Amino acid sequence: MDYDLAIEGAPDAVPGGTVVLLLHPSTGETDRMDTDFLKTDTDHFLVVSTRTTAREVTQKLEYYDVDEDRAEILDTLSVERGYSRRGASHIHYVSSPDDVDGILSAVESFLADNTGKRRVSFDSLTELAYYADEERALDALVRLGELLEAHDAVALVHVSQEVHDDFVLEQFRDASDLVVELGEGGDVVTDY
């Protein structure tokens, strides 16, 4: 099935199985782009957060008026940092932000357990690389693409372009179907 995109300069729609790589500056304002992606043409969505806790993700969804009834959140930070875990059926946890297998298992469960149009926001691959390493982050991106293809879903994957060298960025690009670059001034360039 096709998914509408609300991304400036990108195609109006992409087929299921598409990985959208969002390259942004470290100071880039990605929340609006992320939440627009999640609330467009979506029945269910999963936010995989290696950068913020479930509580912060929930606050972002509320601020940008995203329907939380369609949301699931995978919090990779709270357990490792010793934060209290919110007891909610739509919030899931893995033991640490470098648990690549646990993260992908949770994504697979989300895709298998929900029907209709499903989206995944992975925020961020850069943080996963920080905790695991760039090679494991690339492996996670490739495996994510395979899961999306198998389940006819789409994902938006965040990468801070200032953190990785050109060779690594090129590997991330090659493992994605659509690349969206957000500039310092908010300008957007896409490569499909």
C-alpha atoms as a PDB file:
ATOM      1  CA  MET A   1       0.000   0.000   0.000  1.00  0.00           C
ATOM      2  CA  ASP A   2       1.037   3.602  -0.464  1.00  0.00           C
ATOM      3  CA  TYR A   3       1.597   6.100   2.334  1.00  0.00           C
ATOM      4  CA  ASP A   4       1.062   9.840   2.003  1.00  0.00           C
ATOM      5  CA  LEU A   5       4.010  11.970   3.059  1.00  0.00           C
ATOM      6  CA  ALA A   6       3.810  15.430   4.573  1.00  0.00           C
ATOM      7  CA  ILE A   7       7.421  16.293   3.808  1.00  0.00           C
ATOM      8  CA  GLU A   8       8.299  19.336   1.741  1.00  0.00           C
ATOM      9  CA  GLY A   9       9.992  18.434  -1.544  1.00  0.00           C
ATOM     10  CA  ALA A  10       9.394  14.699  -1.105  1.00  0.00           C
ATOM     11  CA  PRO A  11       7.068  12.591  -3.262  1.00  0.00           C
ATOM     12  CA  ASP A  12       3.398  12.905  -2.296  1.00  0.00           C
ATOM     13  CA  ALA A  13       3.351   9.208  -1.390  1.00  0.00           C
ATOM     14  CA  VAL A  14       5.742   6.276  -0.989  1.00  0.00           C
ATOM     15  CA  PRO A  15       5.100   2.519  -1.041  1.00  0.00           C
ATOM     16  CA  GLY A  16       5.158   0.334   2.059  1.00  0.00           C
ATOM     17  CA  GLY A  17       8.681  -0.824   2.844  1.00  0.00           C
ATOM     18  CA  THR A  18      10.157   2.668   2.446  1.00  0.00           C
ATOM     19  CA  VAL A  19      12.854   3.901   4.820  1.00  0.00           C
ATOM     20  CA  VAL A  20      12.988   7.708   4.913  1.00  0.00           C
ATOM     21  CA  LEU A  21      16.347   8.912   6.247  1.00  0.00           C
ATOM     22  CA  LEU A  22      16.114  12.346   7.881  1.00  0.00           C
ATOM     23  CA  LEU A  23      19.561  13.971   7.902  1.00  0.00           C
ATOM     24  CA  HIS A  24      19.613  17.035  10.104  1.00  0.00           C
ATOM     25  CA  PRO A  25      22.048  19.361  11.861  1.00  0.00           C
ATOM     26  CA  SER A  26      22.547  18.706  15.564  1.00  0.00           C
ATOM     27  CA  THR A  27      20.545  21.815  16.346  1.00  0.00           C
ATOM     28  CA  GLY A  28      17.903  21.067  13.712  1.00  0.00           C
ATOM     29  CA  GLU A  29      14.235  21.341  14.652  1.00  0.00           C
ATOM     30  CA  THR A  30      12.951  17.899  13.709  1.00  0.00           C
ATOM     31  CA  ASP A  31       9.915  17.611  15.996  1.00  0.00           C
ATOM     32  CA  ARG A  32       7.484  19.217  13.555  1.00  0.00           C
ATOM     33  CA  MET A  33       8.688  17.050  10.650  1.00  0.00           C
ATOM     34  CA  ASP A  34       8.544  13.935  12.831  1.00  0.00           C
ATOM     35  CA  THR A  35       5.037  14.571  14.157  1.00  0.00           C
ATOM     36  CA  ASP A  36       3.704  15.515  10.709  1.00  0.00           C
ATOM     37  CA  PHE A  37       5.076  12.193   9.444  1.00  0.00           C
ATOM     38  CA  LEU A  38       3.365  10.298  12.282  1.00  0.00           C
ATOM     39  CA  LYS A  39      -0.073  11.856  11.991  1.00  0.00           C
ATOM     40  CA  THR A  40      -0.428  11.716   8.207  1.00  0.00           C
ATOM     41  CA  ASP A  41      -2.295   8.741   6.698  1.00  0.00           C
ATOM     42  CA  THR A  42      -1.646   6.501   9.731  1.00  0.00           C
ATOM     43  CA  ASP A  43      -3.601   3.894  11.692  1.00  0.00           C
ATOM     44  CA  HIS A  44      -0.861   3.002  14.202  1.00  0.00           C
ATOM     45  CA  PHE A  45       2.646   4.286  14.867  1.00  0.00           C
ATOM     46  CA  LEU A  46       5.660   3.387  16.976  1.00  0.00           C
ATOM     47  CA  VAL A  47       8.214   5.879  18.260  1.00  0.00           C
ATOM     48  CA  VAL A  48      11.556   4.206  18.951  1.00  0.00           C
ATOM     49  CA  SER A  49      13.387   6.614  21.214  1.00  0.00           C
ATOM     50  CA  THR A  50      17.093   6.272  21.889  1.00  0.00           C
ATOM     51  CA  ARG A  51      17.375  10.007  22.544  1.00  0.00           C
ATOM     52  CA  THR A  52      14.573  10.818  25.000  1.00  0.00           C
ATOM     53  CA  THR A  53      12.404   8.989  27.540  1.00  0.00           C
ATOM     54  CA  ALA A  54       8.805   7.871  27.004  1.00  0.00           C
ATOM     55  CA  ARG A  55       7.618  10.796  29.097  1.00  0.00           C
ATOM     56  CA  GLU A  56       9.380  13.284  26.809  1.00  0.00           C
ATOM     57  CA  VAL A  57       7.986  11.548  23.718  1.00  0.00           C
ATOM     58  CA  THR A  58       4.476  11.728  25.181  1.00  0.00           C
ATOM     59  CA  GLN A  59       4.924  15.455  25.872  1.00  0.00           C
ATOM     60  CA  LYS A  60       6.031  16.003  22.262  1.00  0.00           C
ATOM     61  CA  LEU A  61       3.016  14.136  20.893  1.00  0.00           C
ATOM     62  CA  GLU A  62       0.693  16.166  23.113  1.00  0.00           C
ATOM     63  CA  TYR A  63       2.325  19.462  22.149  1.00  0.00           C
ATOM     64  CA  TYR A  64       1.977  18.762  18.418  1.00  0.00           C
ATOM     65  CA  ASP A  65      -1.553  17.377  18.812  1.00  0.00           C
ATOM     66  CA  VAL A  66      -0.772  13.858  17.595  1.00  0.00           C
ATOM     67  CA  ASP A  67      -3.457  11.242  18.358  1.00  0.00           C
ATOM     68  CA  GLU A  68      -1.921   9.221  21.194  1.00  0.00           C
ATOM     69  CA  ASP A  69      -4.564   6.500  20.806  1.00  0.00           C
ATOM     70  CA  ARG A  70      -2.628   5.334  17.744  1.00  0.00           C
ATOM     71  CA  ALA A  71       0.765   5.564  19.467  1.00  0.00           C
ATOM     72  CA  GLU A  72       3.164   3.063  20.922  1.00  0.00           C
ATOM     73  CA  ILE A  73       6.485   4.152  22.392  1.00  0.00           C
ATOM     74  CA  LEU A  74       9.668   2.132  22.819  1.00  0.00           C
ATOM     75  CA  ASP A  75      11.778   3.756  25.531  1.00  0.00           C
ATOM     76  CA  THR A  76      15.395   2.564  25.436  1.00  0.00           C
ATOM     77  CA  LEU A  77      16.776   4.922  28.097  1.00  0.00           C
ATOM     78  CA  SER A  78      14.720   4.741  31.296  1.00  0.00           C
ATOM     79  CA  VAL A  79      15.750   1.264  32.455  1.00  0.00           C
ATOM     80  CA  GLU A  80      19.467   1.905  32.065  1.00  0.00           C
ATOM     81  CA  ARG A  81      19.252   5.299  33.752  1.00  0.00           C
ATOM     82  CA  GLY A  82      17.218   3.963  36.657  1.00  0.00           C
ATOM     83  CA  TYR A  83      14.183   6.161  35.944  1.00  0.00           C
ATOM     84  CA  SER A  84      10.760   4.989  36.996  1.00  0.00           C
ATOM     85  CA  ARG A  85       8.862   3.270  34.222  1.00  0.00           C
ATOM     86  CA  ARG A  86       5.376   4.417  33.385  1.00  0.00           C
ATOM     87  CA  GLY A  87       2.863   1.622  33.634  1.00  0.00           C
ATOM     88  CA  ALA A  88       0.985   2.036  30.374  1.00  0.00           C
ATOM     89  CA  SER A  89       0.043  -0.597  27.818  1.00  0.00           C
ATOM     90  CA  HIS A  90       1.319   1.517  24.917  1.00  0.00           C
ATOM     91  CA  ILE A  91       4.788   2.108  26.399  1.00  0.00           C
ATOM     92  CA  HIS A  92       7.450  -0.569  26.061  1.00  0.00           C
ATOM     93  CA  TYR A  93      11.023  -0.753  27.330  1.00  0.00           C
ATOM     94  CA  VAL A  94      14.302  -2.426  26.462  1.00  0.00           C
ATOM     95  CA  SER A  95      17.146  -2.752  28.930  1.00  0.00           C
ATOM     96  CA  SER A  96      19.537  -0.329  27.250  1.00  0.00           C
ATOM     97  CA  PRO A  97      19.878   1.938  24.194  1.00  0.00           C
ATOM     98  CA  ASP A  98      22.458  -0.402  22.640  1.00  0.00           C
ATOM     99  CA  ASP A  99      20.092  -3.420  22.691  1.00  0.00           C
ATOM    100  CA  VAL A 100      19.761  -3.632  18.898  1.00  0.00           C
ATOM    101  CA  ASP A 101      18.110  -7.065  18.949  1.00  0.00           C
ATOM    102  CA  GLY A 102      15.629  -5.980  21.623  1.00  0.00           C
ATOM    103  CA  ILE A 103      14.761  -2.819  19.695  1.00  0.00           C
ATOM    104  CA  LEU A 104      14.191  -4.689  16.426  1.00  0.00           C
ATOM    105  CA  SER A 105      12.201  -7.392  18.202  1.00  0.00           C
ATOM    106  CA  ALA A 106       9.907  -4.686  19.615  1.00  0.00           C
ATOM    107  CA  VAL A 107       9.523  -3.129  16.145  1.00  0.00           C
ATOM    108  CA  GLU A 108       8.663  -6.530  14.687  1.00  0.00           C
ATOM    109  CA  SER A 109       6.071  -7.155  17.429  1.00  0.00           C
ATOM    110  CA  PHE A 110       4.485  -3.755  16.800  1.00  0.00           C
ATOM    111  CA  LEU A 111       4.261  -4.411  13.054  1.00  0.00           C
ATOM    112  CA  ALA A 112       2.874  -7.920  13.547  1.00  0.00           C
ATOM    113  CA  ASP A 113       0.338  -6.931  16.231  1.00  0.00           C
ATOM    114  CA  ASN A 114      -1.201  -3.971  14.394  1.00  0.00           C
ATOM    115  CA  THR A 115      -3.062  -3.785  11.112  1.00  0.00           C
ATOM    116  CA  GLY A 116      -3.597  -1.027   8.591  1.00  0.00           C
ATOM    117  CA  LYS A 117      -1.126   1.723   7.859  1.00  0.00           C
ATOM    118  CA  ARG A 118       1.795   1.574  10.283  1.00  0.00           C
ATOM    119  CA  ARG A 119       4.632   4.035  10.688  1.00  0.00           C
ATOM    120  CA  VAL A 120       7.814   3.945  12.752  1.00  0.00           C
ATOM    121  CA  SER A 121       9.796   6.955  13.886  1.00  0.00           C
ATOM    122  CA  PHE A 122      13.354   6.019  14.906  1.00  0.00           C
ATOM    123  CA  ASP A 123      14.809   8.907  16.895  1.00  0.00           C
ATOM    124  CA  SER A 124      17.668   8.524  16.558  1.00  0.00           C
ATOM    125  CA  LEU A 125      20.061   6.255  14.686  1.00  0.00           C
ATOM    126  CA  THR A 126      22.877   8.605  15.707  1.00  0.00           C
ATOM    127  CA  GLU A 127      22.154   7.951  19.384  1.00  0.00           C
ATOM    128  CA  LEU A 128      22.037   4.208  18.738  1.00  0.00           C
ATOM    129  CA  ALA A 129      25.475   4.493  17.097  1.00  0.00           C
ATOM    130  CA  TYR A 130      26.708   6.408  20.154  1.00  0.00           C
ATOM    131  CA  TYR A 131      25.634   3.628  22.530  1.00  0.00           C
ATOM    132  CA  ALA A 132      26.311   0.623  20.281  1.00  0.00           C
ATOM    133  CA  ASP A 133      28.577   1.666  17.391  1.00  0.00           C
ATOM    134  CA  GLU A 134      28.124   2.775  13.796  1.00  0.00           C
ATOM    135  CA  GLU A 135      28.407  -0.743  12.392  1.00  0.00           C
ATOM    136  CA  ARG A 136      25.601  -2.024  14.627  1.00  0.00           C
ATOM    137  CA  ALA A 137      23.533   1.073  13.839  1.00  0.00           C
ATOM    138  CA  LEU A 138      23.892   0.348  10.113  1.00  0.00           C
ATOM    139  CA  ASP A 139      22.890  -3.262  10.752  1.00  0.00           C
ATOM    140  CA  ALA A 140      19.811  -2.030  12.638  1.00  0.00           C
ATOM    141  CA  LEU A 141      18.878   0.249   9.722  1.00  0.00           C
ATOM    142  CA  VAL A 142      19.181  -2.597   7.201  1.00  0.00           C
ATOM    143  CA  ARG A 143      17.146  -4.946   9.401  1.00  0.00           C
ATOM    144  CA  LEU A 144      14.527  -2.244   9.964  1.00  0.00           C
ATOM    145  CA  GLY A 145      14.143  -1.908   6.190  1.00  0.00           C
ATOM    146  CA  GLU A 146      13.601  -5.674   5.910  1.00  0.00           C
ATOM    147  CA  LEU A 147      10.891  -5.570   8.597  1.00  0.00           C
ATOM    148  CA  LEU A 148       9.140  -2.664   6.872  1.00  0.00           C
ATOM    149  CA  GLU A 149       9.211  -4.525   3.565  1.00  0.00           C
ATOM    150  CA  ALA A 150       7.805  -7.690   5.132  1.00  0.00           C
ATOM    151  CA  HIS A 151       4.998  -5.804   6.903  1.00  0.00           C
ATOM    152  CA  ASP A 152       4.230  -3.109   4.292  1.00  0.00           C
ATOM    153  CA  ALA A 153       5.051  -0.238   6.670  1.00  0.00           C
ATOM    154  CA  VAL A 154       7.223   2.912   6.493  1.00  0.00           C
ATOM    155  CA  ALA A 155       9.752   4.596   8.788  1.00  0.00           C
ATOM    156  CA  LEU A 156      11.394   7.958   9.375  1.00  0.00           C
ATOM    157  CA  VAL A 157      14.929   7.507  10.731  1.00  0.00           C
ATOM    158  CA  HIS A 158      16.747  10.464  12.323  1.00  0.00           C
ATOM    159  CA  VAL A 159      20.491  10.961  11.760  1.00  0.00           C
ATOM    160  CA  SER A 160      22.563  13.945  12.867  1.00  0.00           C
ATOM    161  CA  GLN A 161      24.821  14.543   9.882  1.00  0.00           C
ATOM    162  CA  GLU A 162      27.475  16.476  11.826  1.00  0.00           C
ATOM    163  CA  VAL A 163      28.319  13.490  14.026  1.00  0.00           C
ATOM    164  CA  HIS A 164      29.214  10.892  11.376  1.00  0.00           C
ATOM    165  CA  ASP A 165      31.916  11.012   8.721  1.00  0.00           C
ATOM    166  CA  ASP A 166      31.014  11.009   5.012  1.00  0.00           C
ATOM    167  CA  PHE A 167      31.663   7.277   4.579  1.00  0.00           C
ATOM    168  CA  VAL A 168      29.208   6.351   7.342  1.00  0.00           C
ATOM    169  CA  LEU A 169      26.608   8.826   6.090  1.00  0.00           C
ATOM    170  CA  GLU A 170      26.892   7.274   2.630  1.00  0.00           C
ATOM    171  CA  GLN A 171      26.276   3.824   4.114  1.00  0.00           C
ATOM    172  CA  PHE A 172      23.170   5.132   5.906  1.00  0.00           C
ATOM    173  CA  ARG A 173      21.996   6.724   2.635  1.00  0.00           C
ATOM    174  CA  ASP A 174      22.532   3.493   0.706  1.00  0.00           C
ATOM    175  CA  ALA A 175      20.448   1.553   3.246  1.00  0.00           C
ATOM    176  CA  SER A 176      17.530   3.997   2.833  1.00  0.00           C
ATOM    177  CA  ASP A 177      15.019   4.623   0.049  1.00  0.00           C
ATOM    178  CA  LEU A 178      14.422   8.354   0.434  1.00  0.00           C
ATOM    179  CA  VAL A 179      16.836  10.874   1.956  1.00  0.00           C
ATOM    180  CA  VAL A 180      15.518  14.138   3.369  1.00  0.00           C
ATOM    181  CA  GLU A 181      18.110  16.734   4.379  1.00  0.00           C
ATOM    182  CA  LEU A 182      17.043  19.451   6.782  1.00  0.00           C
ATOM    183  CA  GLY A 183      19.321  22.482   6.621  1.00  0.00           C
ATOM    184  CA  GLU A 184      20.282  24.899   9.395  1.00  0.00           C
ATOM    185  CA  GLY A 185      17.740  27.433   8.184  1.00  0.00           C
ATOM    186  CA  GLY A 186      14.919  24.911   7.914  1.00  0.00           C
ATOM    187  CA  ASP A 187      15.288  24.373   4.156  1.00  0.00           C
ATOM    188  CA  VAL A 188      14.602  20.829   2.941  1.00  0.00           C
ATOM    189  CA  VAL A 189      16.279  18.876   0.125  1.00  0.00           C
ATOM    190  CA  THR A 190      15.188  15.354  -0.848  1.00  0.00           C
ATOM    191  CA  ASP A 191      16.880  12.581  -2.801  1.00  0.00           C
ATOM    192  CA  TYR A 192      14.659   9.691  -3.889  1.00  0.00           C
END
